[in-house]
């Protein structure tokens, strides 16, 4: 789990430095969100919940947002993906991409609403379009990230915390 926390820290640093300056304006590749979905889909136990909590606190600290905002959204995202993955078999890449798109859209929309409530109270309707495009980009790039996460998972021997397949 410590390796996944370090991977989350590296993704957060990449998102705030390198991905921030991409020419796609405000569209960013949300690798941390994909890591949370990966942990929700493939890992089991209380350690994965603690990992999600610590990454949420770290994102709140880096983003300068209201403390607990990302923790709440990431925890709800974690529970939503756990419920979806127990009720549906989403091992197919197309089902994964559809699930990632919908969950990413809901998470980013939730962050937008919480930002609206806690921060400034100004409705920016054009941001909903950006949330849609960002969720679409995240879902399209998710197979590449999942292959990398799976590779690092096998490389560093983290398979002992994986869920048992059905």
N, C-alpha and C. Protein backbone atom coordinates (compact mmCIF):
# COMPACT_ATOMS: atom_id res chain seq x y z
N UNK A 1 0.81 -1.20 0.00
CA UNK A 1 0.00 0.00 0.00
C UNK A 1 0.86 1.27 0.00
N UNK A 2 2.03 1.16 0.59
CA UNK A 2 2.89 2.35 0.63
C UNK A 2 3.31 2.76 -0.78
N UNK A 3 3.54 1.74 -1.63
CA UNK A 3 3.90 2.05 -3.01
C UNK A 3 2.76 2.78 -3.73
N UNK A 4 1.52 2.36 -3.48
CA UNK A 4 0.39 3.03 -4.12
C UNK A 4 0.24 4.47 -3.61
N UNK A 5 0.56 4.69 -2.33
CA UNK A 5 0.55 6.05 -1.81
C UNK A 5 1.62 6.90 -2.50
N UNK A 6 2.81 6.33 -2.67
CA UNK A 6 3.87 7.06 -3.37
C UNK A 6 3.49 7.31 -4.82
N UNK A 7 2.85 6.35 -5.46
CA UNK A 7 2.38 6.54 -6.82
C UNK A 7 1.34 7.65 -6.89
N UNK A 8 0.46 7.71 -5.90
CA UNK A 8 -0.52 8.79 -5.82
C UNK A 8 0.15 10.14 -5.64
N UNK A 9 1.20 10.19 -4.83
CA UNK A 9 1.94 11.45 -4.64
C UNK A 9 2.61 11.89 -5.93
N UNK A 10 3.20 10.93 -6.67
CA UNK A 10 3.83 11.26 -7.94
C UNK A 10 2.78 11.75 -8.94
N UNK A 11 1.62 11.10 -8.99
CA UNK A 11 0.56 11.54 -9.89
C UNK A 11 0.06 12.93 -9.53
N UNK A 12 -0.04 13.21 -8.24
CA UNK A 12 -0.48 14.53 -7.81
C UNK A 12 0.54 15.59 -8.20
N UNK A 13 1.81 15.30 -8.05
CA UNK A 13 2.85 16.24 -8.44
C UNK A 13 2.83 16.45 -9.95
N UNK A 14 2.63 15.37 -10.71
CA UNK A 14 2.55 15.50 -12.17
C UNK A 14 1.33 16.32 -12.59
N UNK A 15 0.21 16.11 -11.92
CA UNK A 15 -0.99 16.86 -12.26
C UNK A 15 -0.86 18.34 -11.96
N UNK A 16 -0.16 18.68 -10.90
CA UNK A 16 -0.04 20.09 -10.53
C UNK A 16 1.11 20.79 -11.24
N UNK A 17 2.01 20.05 -11.86
CA UNK A 17 3.14 20.70 -12.55
C UNK A 17 3.07 20.47 -14.05
N UNK A 18 3.29 19.25 -14.50
CA UNK A 18 3.40 18.96 -15.92
C UNK A 18 2.05 19.01 -16.63
N UNK A 19 1.06 18.30 -16.12
CA UNK A 19 -0.25 18.25 -16.78
C UNK A 19 -0.97 19.59 -16.74
N UNK A 20 -0.61 20.43 -15.79
CA UNK A 20 -1.25 21.74 -15.67
C UNK A 20 -0.91 22.62 -16.87
N UNK A 21 0.26 22.41 -17.46
CA UNK A 21 0.71 23.26 -18.56
C UNK A 21 0.48 22.64 -19.93
N UNK A 22 -0.34 21.60 -20.01
CA UNK A 22 -0.68 21.03 -21.31
C UNK A 22 -1.54 22.02 -22.10
N UNK A 23 -1.45 21.99 -23.42
CA UNK A 23 -2.18 22.98 -24.21
C UNK A 23 -3.68 22.75 -24.32
N UNK A 24 -4.20 21.77 -23.63
CA UNK A 24 -5.62 21.47 -23.72
C UNK A 24 -6.44 22.36 -22.79
N UNK A 25 -5.96 23.50 -22.46
CA UNK A 25 -6.58 24.49 -21.60
C UNK A 25 -6.84 23.90 -20.23
N UNK A 26 -8.06 23.68 -19.82
CA UNK A 26 -8.31 23.17 -18.48
C UNK A 26 -8.55 21.68 -18.46
N UNK A 27 -8.46 21.03 -19.61
CA UNK A 27 -8.59 19.57 -19.63
C UNK A 27 -7.33 18.97 -19.06
N UNK A 28 -7.47 18.18 -18.05
CA UNK A 28 -6.31 17.54 -17.47
C UNK A 28 -6.57 16.05 -17.36
N UNK A 29 -5.50 15.32 -17.41
CA UNK A 29 -5.58 13.88 -17.24
C UNK A 29 -5.60 13.61 -15.75
N UNK A 30 -6.66 13.02 -15.29
CA UNK A 30 -6.83 12.83 -13.85
C UNK A 30 -6.37 11.43 -13.46
N UNK A 31 -5.05 11.27 -13.36
CA UNK A 31 -4.47 9.97 -13.03
C UNK A 31 -4.76 9.55 -11.60
N UNK A 32 -4.91 10.52 -10.72
CA UNK A 32 -5.21 10.20 -9.32
C UNK A 32 -6.62 9.62 -9.18
N UNK A 33 -7.54 10.18 -9.93
CA UNK A 33 -8.90 9.63 -9.94
C UNK A 33 -8.90 8.21 -10.48
N UNK A 34 -8.10 7.97 -11.52
CA UNK A 34 -7.99 6.62 -12.07
C UNK A 34 -7.33 5.67 -11.07
N UNK A 35 -6.39 6.16 -10.30
CA UNK A 35 -5.78 5.32 -9.26
C UNK A 35 -6.81 4.95 -8.21
N UNK A 36 -7.66 5.89 -7.84
CA UNK A 36 -8.71 5.59 -6.86
C UNK A 36 -9.70 4.57 -7.41
N UNK A 37 -10.05 4.70 -8.67
CA UNK A 37 -10.95 3.72 -9.28
C UNK A 37 -10.26 2.36 -9.36
N UNK A 38 -8.98 2.33 -9.69
CA UNK A 38 -8.22 1.08 -9.74
C UNK A 38 -8.18 0.41 -8.37
N UNK A 39 -7.90 1.19 -7.35
CA UNK A 39 -7.88 0.64 -5.99
C UNK A 39 -9.26 0.12 -5.60
N UNK A 40 -10.30 0.84 -5.99
CA UNK A 40 -11.67 0.41 -5.67
C UNK A 40 -12.05 -0.87 -6.40
N UNK A 41 -11.59 -1.02 -7.61
CA UNK A 41 -11.94 -2.21 -8.39
C UNK A 41 -11.15 -3.45 -7.99
N UNK A 42 -9.85 -3.29 -7.75
CA UNK A 42 -8.99 -4.45 -7.65
C UNK A 42 -8.42 -4.74 -6.26
N UNK A 43 -8.50 -3.81 -5.35
CA UNK A 43 -7.92 -4.06 -4.02
C UNK A 43 -9.03 -4.17 -2.98
N UNK A 44 -8.71 -4.86 -1.93
CA UNK A 44 -9.69 -5.12 -0.90
C UNK A 44 -9.13 -4.70 0.45
N UNK A 45 -10.02 -4.50 1.40
CA UNK A 45 -9.58 -4.27 2.76
C UNK A 45 -9.65 -2.84 3.21
N UNK A 46 -9.39 -2.66 4.49
CA UNK A 46 -9.44 -1.36 5.11
C UNK A 46 -8.27 -0.50 4.67
N UNK A 47 -7.19 -1.15 4.25
CA UNK A 47 -6.02 -0.40 3.81
C UNK A 47 -6.33 0.44 2.59
N UNK A 48 -7.15 -0.08 1.70
CA UNK A 48 -7.50 0.71 0.51
C UNK A 48 -8.34 1.92 0.89
N UNK A 49 -9.21 1.79 1.88
CA UNK A 49 -9.97 2.94 2.37
C UNK A 49 -9.08 3.98 3.01
N UNK A 50 -8.10 3.54 3.77
CA UNK A 50 -7.15 4.48 4.38
C UNK A 50 -6.28 5.16 3.31
N UNK A 51 -5.94 4.42 2.26
CA UNK A 51 -5.18 5.00 1.16
C UNK A 51 -5.98 6.11 0.48
N UNK A 52 -7.27 5.85 0.24
CA UNK A 52 -8.14 6.84 -0.39
C UNK A 52 -8.25 8.08 0.50
N UNK A 53 -8.42 7.86 1.81
CA UNK A 53 -8.54 8.97 2.75
C UNK A 53 -7.27 9.82 2.75
N UNK A 54 -6.10 9.16 2.81
CA UNK A 54 -4.85 9.92 2.87
C UNK A 54 -4.59 10.67 1.56
N UNK A 55 -4.96 10.06 0.42
CA UNK A 55 -4.79 10.77 -0.85
C UNK A 55 -5.74 11.96 -0.93
N UNK A 56 -6.94 11.82 -0.40
CA UNK A 56 -7.89 12.94 -0.39
C UNK A 56 -7.38 14.10 0.45
N UNK A 57 -6.82 13.80 1.61
CA UNK A 57 -6.24 14.86 2.46
C UNK A 57 -5.07 15.53 1.74
N UNK A 58 -4.26 14.73 1.08
CA UNK A 58 -3.12 15.28 0.36
C UNK A 58 -3.56 16.20 -0.78
N UNK A 59 -4.60 15.80 -1.52
CA UNK A 59 -5.12 16.63 -2.60
C UNK A 59 -5.70 17.93 -2.04
N UNK A 60 -6.43 17.84 -0.93
CA UNK A 60 -6.97 19.05 -0.31
C UNK A 60 -5.86 20.00 0.12
N UNK A 61 -4.77 19.46 0.60
CA UNK A 61 -3.65 20.28 1.01
C UNK A 61 -2.99 20.96 -0.18
N UNK A 62 -2.79 20.21 -1.26
CA UNK A 62 -2.17 20.77 -2.46
C UNK A 62 -3.08 21.76 -3.15
N UNK A 63 -4.38 21.46 -3.22
CA UNK A 63 -5.31 22.29 -3.98
C UNK A 63 -5.69 23.57 -3.25
N UNK A 64 -5.54 23.59 -1.95
CA UNK A 64 -5.93 24.77 -1.19
C UNK A 64 -7.44 24.91 -1.07
N UNK A 65 -8.14 23.83 -1.24
CA UNK A 65 -9.60 23.85 -1.14
C UNK A 65 -10.00 23.60 0.32
N UNK A 66 -11.30 23.60 0.54
CA UNK A 66 -11.80 23.34 1.88
C UNK A 66 -11.36 21.94 2.30
N UNK A 67 -10.79 21.84 3.49
CA UNK A 67 -10.25 20.57 3.96
C UNK A 67 -11.38 19.55 4.11
N UNK A 68 -11.23 18.44 3.46
CA UNK A 68 -12.22 17.38 3.52
C UNK A 68 -13.09 17.28 2.28
N UNK A 69 -12.97 18.24 1.39
CA UNK A 69 -13.80 18.23 0.18
C UNK A 69 -13.44 17.05 -0.72
N UNK A 70 -12.17 16.87 -1.01
CA UNK A 70 -11.75 15.74 -1.83
C UNK A 70 -11.88 14.42 -1.09
N UNK A 71 -11.70 14.45 0.22
CA UNK A 71 -11.86 13.23 1.00
C UNK A 71 -13.29 12.71 0.88
N UNK A 72 -14.25 13.61 0.99
CA UNK A 72 -15.65 13.23 0.88
C UNK A 72 -15.97 12.68 -0.51
N UNK A 73 -15.53 13.37 -1.54
CA UNK A 73 -15.82 12.93 -2.91
C UNK A 73 -15.10 11.62 -3.21
N UNK A 74 -13.84 11.48 -2.79
CA UNK A 74 -13.10 10.24 -3.04
C UNK A 74 -13.69 9.07 -2.26
N UNK A 75 -14.15 9.31 -1.04
CA UNK A 75 -14.77 8.23 -0.28
C UNK A 75 -16.09 7.78 -0.92
N UNK A 76 -16.89 8.74 -1.36
CA UNK A 76 -18.14 8.38 -2.05
C UNK A 76 -17.86 7.68 -3.37
N UNK A 77 -16.83 8.13 -4.06
CA UNK A 77 -16.42 7.48 -5.30
C UNK A 77 -15.96 6.05 -5.04
N UNK A 78 -15.18 5.86 -4.00
CA UNK A 78 -14.70 4.53 -3.61
C UNK A 78 -15.88 3.59 -3.32
N UNK A 79 -16.83 4.08 -2.54
CA UNK A 79 -18.00 3.25 -2.22
C UNK A 79 -18.86 2.97 -3.45
N UNK A 80 -19.03 3.96 -4.30
CA UNK A 80 -19.83 3.78 -5.52
C UNK A 80 -19.21 2.74 -6.44
N UNK A 81 -17.90 2.81 -6.64
CA UNK A 81 -17.24 1.84 -7.50
C UNK A 81 -17.27 0.45 -6.87
N UNK A 82 -17.12 0.36 -5.56
CA UNK A 82 -17.22 -0.94 -4.88
C UNK A 82 -18.60 -1.56 -5.09
N UNK A 83 -19.65 -0.75 -4.96
CA UNK A 83 -21.02 -1.26 -5.14
C UNK A 83 -21.24 -1.68 -6.59
N UNK A 84 -20.78 -0.85 -7.52
CA UNK A 84 -20.94 -1.19 -8.94
C UNK A 84 -20.17 -2.46 -9.29
N UNK A 85 -18.96 -2.58 -8.78
CA UNK A 85 -18.14 -3.74 -9.14
C UNK A 85 -18.65 -5.03 -8.50
N UNK A 86 -19.37 -4.94 -7.40
CA UNK A 86 -19.94 -6.15 -6.81
C UNK A 86 -21.22 -6.59 -7.52
N UNK A 87 -21.92 -5.64 -8.12
CA UNK A 87 -23.17 -5.96 -8.80
C UNK A 87 -23.01 -6.22 -10.29
N UNK A 88 -21.97 -5.69 -10.90
CA UNK A 88 -21.72 -5.87 -12.31
C UNK A 88 -20.33 -6.44 -12.52
N UNK A 89 -20.17 -7.21 -13.56
CA UNK A 89 -18.85 -7.69 -13.93
C UNK A 89 -18.29 -6.69 -14.94
N UNK A 90 -17.30 -5.92 -14.50
CA UNK A 90 -16.77 -4.87 -15.37
C UNK A 90 -15.32 -5.16 -15.73
N UNK A 91 -15.03 -6.40 -16.04
CA UNK A 91 -13.68 -6.77 -16.45
C UNK A 91 -13.42 -6.43 -17.91
N UNK A 92 -14.49 -6.29 -18.70
CA UNK A 92 -14.35 -5.90 -20.10
C UNK A 92 -13.90 -4.45 -20.17
N UNK A 93 -13.03 -4.14 -21.11
CA UNK A 93 -12.46 -2.80 -21.19
C UNK A 93 -13.52 -1.75 -21.52
N UNK A 94 -14.52 -2.12 -22.32
CA UNK A 94 -15.55 -1.15 -22.68
C UNK A 94 -16.45 -0.83 -21.49
N UNK A 95 -16.76 -1.83 -20.68
CA UNK A 95 -17.54 -1.59 -19.47
C UNK A 95 -16.74 -0.75 -18.48
N UNK A 96 -15.44 -1.02 -18.41
CA UNK A 96 -14.60 -0.23 -17.53
C UNK A 96 -14.57 1.23 -17.97
N UNK A 97 -14.43 1.46 -19.25
CA UNK A 97 -14.39 2.84 -19.74
C UNK A 97 -15.71 3.56 -19.51
N UNK A 98 -16.83 2.85 -19.70
CA UNK A 98 -18.13 3.47 -19.45
C UNK A 98 -18.31 3.77 -17.97
N UNK A 99 -17.89 2.83 -17.13
CA UNK A 99 -17.98 3.05 -15.68
C UNK A 99 -17.08 4.19 -15.25
N UNK A 100 -15.87 4.23 -15.79
CA UNK A 100 -14.94 5.30 -15.44
C UNK A 100 -15.47 6.65 -15.89
N UNK A 101 -16.07 6.71 -17.08
CA UNK A 101 -16.64 7.97 -17.54
C UNK A 101 -17.74 8.45 -16.61
N UNK A 102 -18.67 7.56 -16.28
CA UNK A 102 -19.80 7.99 -15.44
C UNK A 102 -19.34 8.35 -14.03
N UNK A 103 -18.45 7.57 -13.46
CA UNK A 103 -17.98 7.84 -12.10
C UNK A 103 -17.11 9.10 -12.09
N UNK A 104 -16.28 9.27 -13.10
CA UNK A 104 -15.45 10.47 -13.19
C UNK A 104 -16.31 11.72 -13.37
N UNK A 105 -17.34 11.61 -14.18
CA UNK A 105 -18.24 12.74 -14.38
C UNK A 105 -18.94 13.10 -13.07
N UNK A 106 -19.42 12.10 -12.35
CA UNK A 106 -20.09 12.36 -11.07
C UNK A 106 -19.12 12.95 -10.05
N UNK A 107 -17.89 12.42 -10.00
CA UNK A 107 -16.91 12.93 -9.03
C UNK A 107 -16.53 14.37 -9.34
N UNK A 108 -16.25 14.67 -10.60
CA UNK A 108 -15.88 16.04 -10.97
C UNK A 108 -17.04 17.00 -10.81
N UNK A 109 -18.25 16.54 -11.11
CA UNK A 109 -19.43 17.38 -10.90
C UNK A 109 -19.66 17.62 -9.41
N UNK A 110 -19.42 16.59 -8.58
CA UNK A 110 -19.52 16.76 -7.14
C UNK A 110 -18.51 17.75 -6.61
N UNK A 111 -17.28 17.68 -7.12
CA UNK A 111 -16.26 18.66 -6.71
C UNK A 111 -16.64 20.06 -7.16
N UNK A 112 -17.23 20.17 -8.33
CA UNK A 112 -17.67 21.48 -8.81
C UNK A 112 -18.77 22.06 -7.93
N UNK A 113 -19.71 21.21 -7.53
CA UNK A 113 -20.80 21.67 -6.66
C UNK A 113 -20.27 22.03 -5.28
N UNK A 114 -19.38 21.21 -4.73
CA UNK A 114 -18.80 21.52 -3.42
C UNK A 114 -17.97 22.80 -3.49
N UNK A 115 -17.26 23.00 -4.58
CA UNK A 115 -16.51 24.23 -4.75
C UNK A 115 -17.45 25.43 -4.83
N UNK A 116 -18.58 25.24 -5.47
CA UNK A 116 -19.59 26.29 -5.56
C UNK A 116 -20.15 26.63 -4.18
N UNK A 117 -20.41 25.61 -3.39
CA UNK A 117 -21.01 25.82 -2.07
C UNK A 117 -20.00 26.40 -1.09
N UNK A 118 -18.79 25.82 -1.03
CA UNK A 118 -17.85 26.21 0.01
C UNK A 118 -16.97 27.40 -0.35
N UNK A 119 -16.73 27.62 -1.63
CA UNK A 119 -15.74 28.63 -1.97
C UNK A 119 -16.35 29.98 -2.35
N UNK A 120 -16.94 30.08 -3.53
CA UNK A 120 -17.30 31.42 -3.98
C UNK A 120 -18.78 31.63 -4.26
N UNK A 121 -19.52 30.60 -4.54
CA UNK A 121 -20.95 30.74 -4.76
C UNK A 121 -21.33 31.26 -6.13
N UNK A 122 -20.38 31.35 -7.05
CA UNK A 122 -20.66 31.82 -8.40
C UNK A 122 -20.85 30.60 -9.31
N UNK A 123 -21.98 30.57 -10.02
CA UNK A 123 -22.27 29.45 -10.91
C UNK A 123 -21.55 29.69 -12.23
N UNK A 124 -20.73 28.73 -12.60
CA UNK A 124 -20.03 28.79 -13.88
C UNK A 124 -20.52 27.62 -14.72
N UNK A 125 -21.53 27.88 -15.54
CA UNK A 125 -22.17 26.81 -16.31
C UNK A 125 -21.26 26.24 -17.38
N UNK A 126 -20.30 27.02 -17.86
CA UNK A 126 -19.39 26.51 -18.89
C UNK A 126 -18.48 25.42 -18.34
N UNK A 127 -18.32 25.36 -17.03
CA UNK A 127 -17.46 24.34 -16.43
C UNK A 127 -18.07 22.95 -16.52
N UNK A 128 -19.40 22.85 -16.65
CA UNK A 128 -20.03 21.54 -16.79
C UNK A 128 -19.57 20.90 -18.09
N UNK A 129 -19.43 21.69 -19.15
CA UNK A 129 -18.93 21.19 -20.42
C UNK A 129 -17.48 20.71 -20.25
N UNK A 130 -16.69 21.45 -19.50
CA UNK A 130 -15.30 21.06 -19.26
C UNK A 130 -15.23 19.78 -18.43
N UNK A 131 -16.14 19.64 -17.47
CA UNK A 131 -16.19 18.41 -16.67
C UNK A 131 -16.53 17.22 -17.57
N UNK A 132 -17.46 17.42 -18.50
CA UNK A 132 -17.82 16.35 -19.43
C UNK A 132 -16.62 15.95 -20.29
N UNK A 133 -15.92 16.95 -20.84
CA UNK A 133 -14.77 16.65 -21.70
C UNK A 133 -13.62 16.02 -20.91
N UNK A 134 -13.42 16.49 -19.68
CA UNK A 134 -12.36 15.90 -18.86
C UNK A 134 -12.69 14.45 -18.50
N UNK A 135 -13.94 14.17 -18.22
CA UNK A 135 -14.34 12.79 -17.91
C UNK A 135 -14.20 11.90 -19.13
N UNK A 136 -14.50 12.44 -20.30
CA UNK A 136 -14.34 11.69 -21.54
C UNK A 136 -12.87 11.39 -21.80
N UNK A 137 -12.01 12.37 -21.62
CA UNK A 137 -10.57 12.17 -21.80
C UNK A 137 -10.03 11.17 -20.79
N UNK A 138 -10.46 11.26 -19.56
CA UNK A 138 -10.02 10.33 -18.52
C UNK A 138 -10.44 8.91 -18.85
N UNK A 139 -11.67 8.73 -19.32
CA UNK A 139 -12.13 7.37 -19.63
C UNK A 139 -11.43 6.81 -20.87
N UNK A 140 -11.11 7.66 -21.84
CA UNK A 140 -10.41 7.18 -23.03
C UNK A 140 -8.97 6.78 -22.73
N UNK A 141 -8.33 7.45 -21.78
CA UNK A 141 -6.95 7.13 -21.43
C UNK A 141 -6.84 6.11 -20.29
N UNK A 142 -7.96 5.70 -19.74
CA UNK A 142 -7.94 4.79 -18.60
C UNK A 142 -7.29 3.43 -18.90
N UNK A 143 -7.46 2.82 -20.08
CA UNK A 143 -6.77 1.54 -20.29
C UNK A 143 -5.26 1.64 -20.19
N UNK A 144 -4.69 2.75 -20.65
CA UNK A 144 -3.24 2.93 -20.56
C UNK A 144 -2.81 3.02 -19.10
N UNK A 145 -3.55 3.80 -18.31
CA UNK A 145 -3.23 3.93 -16.88
C UNK A 145 -3.42 2.61 -16.15
N UNK A 146 -4.48 1.87 -16.47
CA UNK A 146 -4.74 0.61 -15.79
C UNK A 146 -3.65 -0.42 -16.13
N UNK A 147 -3.16 -0.41 -17.35
CA UNK A 147 -2.07 -1.31 -17.72
C UNK A 147 -0.82 -0.96 -16.92
N UNK A 148 -0.54 0.33 -16.78
CA UNK A 148 0.63 0.76 -15.99
C UNK A 148 0.46 0.41 -14.52
N UNK A 149 -0.72 0.65 -13.96
CA UNK A 149 -0.96 0.32 -12.56
C UNK A 149 -0.83 -1.18 -12.33
N UNK A 150 -1.36 -1.97 -13.26
CA UNK A 150 -1.27 -3.42 -13.13
C UNK A 150 0.18 -3.89 -13.25
N UNK A 151 0.94 -3.27 -14.12
CA UNK A 151 2.35 -3.60 -14.26
C UNK A 151 3.11 -3.32 -12.97
N UNK A 152 2.90 -2.13 -12.39
CA UNK A 152 3.57 -1.80 -11.15
C UNK A 152 3.09 -2.68 -10.00
N UNK A 153 1.83 -3.07 -10.05
CA UNK A 153 1.28 -3.96 -9.04
C UNK A 153 1.99 -5.31 -9.09
N UNK A 154 2.18 -5.84 -10.28
CA UNK A 154 2.88 -7.12 -10.42
C UNK A 154 4.36 -6.98 -10.14
N UNK A 155 4.96 -5.86 -10.52
CA UNK A 155 6.39 -5.64 -10.34
C UNK A 155 6.78 -5.58 -8.86
N UNK A 156 5.98 -4.89 -8.08
CA UNK A 156 6.30 -4.71 -6.67
C UNK A 156 5.59 -5.69 -5.76
N UNK A 157 4.90 -6.68 -6.31
CA UNK A 157 4.32 -7.75 -5.51
C UNK A 157 3.21 -7.32 -4.58
N UNK A 158 2.28 -6.53 -5.10
CA UNK A 158 1.19 -6.07 -4.26
C UNK A 158 -0.03 -6.96 -4.38
N UNK A 159 0.11 -8.11 -4.99
CA UNK A 159 -1.03 -8.97 -5.25
C UNK A 159 -1.65 -9.58 -4.02
N UNK A 160 -1.00 -9.51 -2.88
CA UNK A 160 -1.58 -10.12 -1.67
C UNK A 160 -2.80 -9.39 -1.16
N UNK A 161 -3.01 -8.15 -1.58
CA UNK A 161 -4.19 -7.43 -1.12
C UNK A 161 -5.29 -7.39 -2.17
N UNK A 162 -5.08 -8.10 -3.27
CA UNK A 162 -6.10 -8.13 -4.33
C UNK A 162 -7.30 -8.92 -3.87
N UNK A 163 -8.44 -8.53 -4.45
CA UNK A 163 -9.66 -9.29 -4.18
C UNK A 163 -9.61 -10.63 -4.89
N UNK A 164 -10.30 -11.60 -4.33
CA UNK A 164 -10.38 -12.90 -4.96
C UNK A 164 -11.40 -12.80 -6.10
N UNK A 165 -11.00 -13.27 -7.31
CA UNK A 165 -11.95 -13.18 -8.41
C UNK A 165 -13.06 -14.19 -8.27
N UNK A 166 -14.18 -13.80 -8.88
CA UNK A 166 -15.36 -14.65 -8.78
C UNK A 166 -15.33 -15.75 -9.77
